[in-house]
Amino acid sequence: MNYKKGEMDIEEQKKIYAGFIKFLFAIVVFSTFSLIFLAMFNS
């Protein structure tokens, strides 16, 4: 094999990880606003 340590291309993994973090952040924001909305209107 022609593999050398430190030469692996990880750009695709970085993009997927960044997307995952954005997705989690969106879920947290949506959940927070949902809870505030429910608390305000006493549902």
Protein backbone atom coordinates (compact mmCIF):
# COMPACT_ATOMS: atom_id res chain seq x y z
CA MET A 1 0.00 0.00 0.00
CA ASN A 2 1.06 3.55 -0.66
CA TYR A 3 -0.50 4.99 2.48
CA LYS A 4 1.58 7.50 4.40
CA LYS A 5 0.67 8.74 7.85
CA GLY A 6 -1.06 12.15 7.82
CA GLU A 7 -2.10 12.14 4.16
CA MET A 8 -5.73 11.08 4.46
CA ASP A 9 -8.26 13.51 2.96
CA ILE A 10 -10.83 14.28 5.65
CA GLU A 11 -12.66 17.19 3.99
CA GLU A 12 -15.85 15.16 3.46
CA GLN A 13 -15.90 14.12 7.14
CA LYS A 14 -15.43 17.76 8.19
CA LYS A 15 -18.44 18.81 6.06
CA ILE A 16 -20.63 16.06 7.52
CA TYR A 17 -19.59 16.96 11.08
CA ALA A 18 -20.30 20.66 10.48
CA GLY A 19 -23.74 19.78 9.11
CA PHE A 20 -24.43 17.57 12.12
CA ILE A 21 -23.51 20.38 14.53
CA LYS A 22 -25.77 22.84 12.67
CA PHE A 23 -28.61 20.30 12.76
CA LEU A 24 -28.23 19.80 16.53
CA PHE A 25 -28.10 23.56 17.06
CA ALA A 26 -31.33 23.99 15.07
CA ILE A 27 -33.04 21.31 17.19
CA VAL A 28 -31.93 23.02 20.42
CA VAL A 29 -33.18 26.42 19.23
CA PHE A 30 -36.51 24.98 18.05
CA SER A 31 -37.01 23.10 21.34
CA THR A 32 -36.21 26.18 23.40
CA PHE A 33 -38.64 28.39 21.51
CA SER A 34 -41.29 25.67 21.67
CA LEU A 35 -40.96 25.39 25.44
CA ILE A 36 -41.09 29.17 25.86
CA PHE A 37 -44.18 29.36 23.63
CA LEU A 38 -45.93 26.61 25.59
CA ALA A 39 -45.03 28.25 28.90
CA MET A 40 -46.34 31.63 27.76
CA PHE A 41 -49.71 30.27 26.70
CA ASN A 42 -49.96 27.72 29.53
CA SER A 43 -50.67 24.78 27.23
